[in-house]
C-alpha atoms as a PDB file:
ATOM      1  CA  MET A   1       0.000   0.000   0.000  1.00  0.00           C
ATOM      2  CA  LYS A   2       1.294   3.477  -0.870  1.00  0.00           C
ATOM      3  CA  CYS A   3       0.918   6.370   1.543  1.00  0.00           C
ATOM      4  CA  PRO A   4      -1.244   9.285   0.299  1.00  0.00           C
ATOM      5  CA  TYR A   5       0.395  11.546   2.886  1.00  0.00           C
ATOM      6  CA  ALA A   6       4.159  11.095   2.423  1.00  0.00           C
ATOM      7  CA  VAL A   7       5.748  11.730  -0.941  1.00  0.00           C
ATOM      8  CA  ASN A   8       9.236  12.064  -2.359  1.00  0.00           C
ATOM      9  CA  ARG A   9       9.250  15.043  -4.695  1.00  0.00           C
ATOM     10  CA  THR A  10      11.802  16.151  -7.278  1.00  0.00           C
ATOM     11  CA  ILE A  11      11.517  19.490  -9.055  1.00  0.00           C
ATOM     12  CA  GLN A  12      13.778  20.349 -11.974  1.00  0.00           C
ATOM     13  CA  THR A  13      13.714  23.807 -13.506  1.00  0.00           C
ATOM     14  CA  GLN A  14      15.438  24.876 -16.708  1.00  0.00           C
ATOM     15  CA  TRP A  15      15.724  28.423 -18.037  1.00  0.00           C
ATOM     16  CA  THR A  16      16.614  29.390 -21.572  1.00  0.00           C
ATOM     17  CA  TYR A  17      17.171  32.919 -22.843  1.00  0.00           C
ATOM     18  CA  GLU A  18      17.436  34.495 -26.262  1.00  0.00           C
ATOM     19  CA  TYR A  19      19.486  37.603 -26.967  1.00  0.00           C
ATOM     20  CA  ASP A  20      19.404  40.103 -29.793  1.00  0.00           C
ATOM     21  CA  GLU A  21      22.417  41.221 -31.854  1.00  0.00           C
ATOM     22  CA  GLU A  22      23.351  43.802 -29.223  1.00  0.00           C
ATOM     23  CA  GLY A  23      23.405  41.248 -26.382  1.00  0.00           C
ATOM     24  CA  ARG A  24      20.147  42.329 -24.788  1.00  0.00           C
ATOM     25  CA  GLN A  25      17.797  39.672 -23.573  1.00  0.00           C
ATOM     26  CA  CYS A  26      14.743  39.616 -25.816  1.00  0.00           C
ATOM     27  CA  ALA A  27      13.015  36.380 -24.736  1.00  0.00           C
ATOM     28  CA  GLY A  28      13.084  33.852 -21.953  1.00  0.00           C
ATOM     29  CA  LYS A  29      11.497  30.514 -21.213  1.00  0.00           C
ATOM     30  CA  GLU A  30      11.179  28.480 -18.009  1.00  0.00           C
ATOM     31  CA  VAL A  31      10.341  24.773 -17.971  1.00  0.00           C
ATOM     32  CA  SER A  32       9.661  22.926 -14.713  1.00  0.00           C
ATOM     33  CA  ILE A  33       9.309  19.189 -14.238  1.00  0.00           C
ATOM     34  CA  ASN A  34       7.644  18.186 -10.989  1.00  0.00           C
ATOM     35  CA  LYS A  35       7.798  14.453 -10.181  1.00  0.00           C
ATOM     36  CA  ALA A  36       6.235  12.820  -7.137  1.00  0.00           C
ATOM     37  CA  SER A  37       6.569   9.249  -5.957  1.00  0.00           C
ATOM     38  CA  PHE A  38       4.584   7.996  -3.022  1.00  0.00           C
ATOM     39  CA  VAL A  39       6.329   5.972  -0.315  1.00  0.00           C
ATOM     40  CA  ASP A  40       5.210   2.664   1.109  1.00  0.00           C
ATOM     41  CA  CYS A  41       2.817   2.816   4.053  1.00  0.00           C
ATOM     42  CA  GLU A  42       4.642   2.869   7.409  1.00  0.00           C
ATOM     43  CA  LEU A  43       1.601   1.318   9.118  1.00  0.00           C
ATOM     44  CA  THR A  44       1.902   1.605  12.921  1.00  0.00           C
ATOM     45  CA  SER A  45       4.850   4.035  12.649  1.00  0.00           C
ATOM     46  CA  CYS A  46       2.550   6.656  11.116  1.00  0.00           C
ATOM     47  CA  GLY A  47       0.343   9.028  13.091  1.00  0.00           C
ATOM     48  CA  ALA A  48      -2.440   8.729  10.504  1.00  0.00           C
ATOM     49  CA  TYR A  49      -2.634   4.928  10.939  1.00  0.00           C
ATOM     50  CA  GLN A  50      -5.189   4.193  13.644  1.00  0.00           C
ATOM     51  CA  ASN A  51      -7.368   1.214  14.536  1.00  0.00           C
ATOM     52  CA  GLY A  52      -5.703  -0.930  11.855  1.00  0.00           C
ATOM     53  CA  LYS A  53      -6.330   1.435   8.940  1.00  0.00           C
ATOM     54  CA  CYS A  54      -5.134   4.639   7.370  1.00  0.00           C
ATOM     55  CA  CYS A  55      -7.138   7.599   8.605  1.00  0.00           C
ATOM     56  CA  TYR A  56      -5.336  10.232   6.528  1.00  0.00           C
ATOM     57  CA  ASN A  57      -7.655  13.053   5.479  1.00  0.00           C
ATOM     58  CA  LYS A  58     -10.503  11.605   7.519  1.00  0.00           C
ATOM     59  CA  ARG A  59     -12.958  14.278   8.537  1.00  0.00           C
ATOM     60  CA  SER A  60     -13.612  14.618  12.264  1.00  0.00           C
ATOM     61  CA  ASP A  61     -17.404  14.514  11.685  1.00  0.00           C
ATOM     62  CA  ASP A  62     -17.275  11.029  10.076  1.00  0.00           C
END
């Protein structure tokens, strides 16, 4: 089971710029890649695991 609460995240950002003949910046572009991988459930080591099940994001009025 994967944990919906804990995630390993990697963000890579790349910038590219274009310059005119006089060396002035005339355009720019930013590209971001955001990857997330969920970790395995820690079961009883997790504060969201109660009464033998995951209670992450459980509303208090349930």
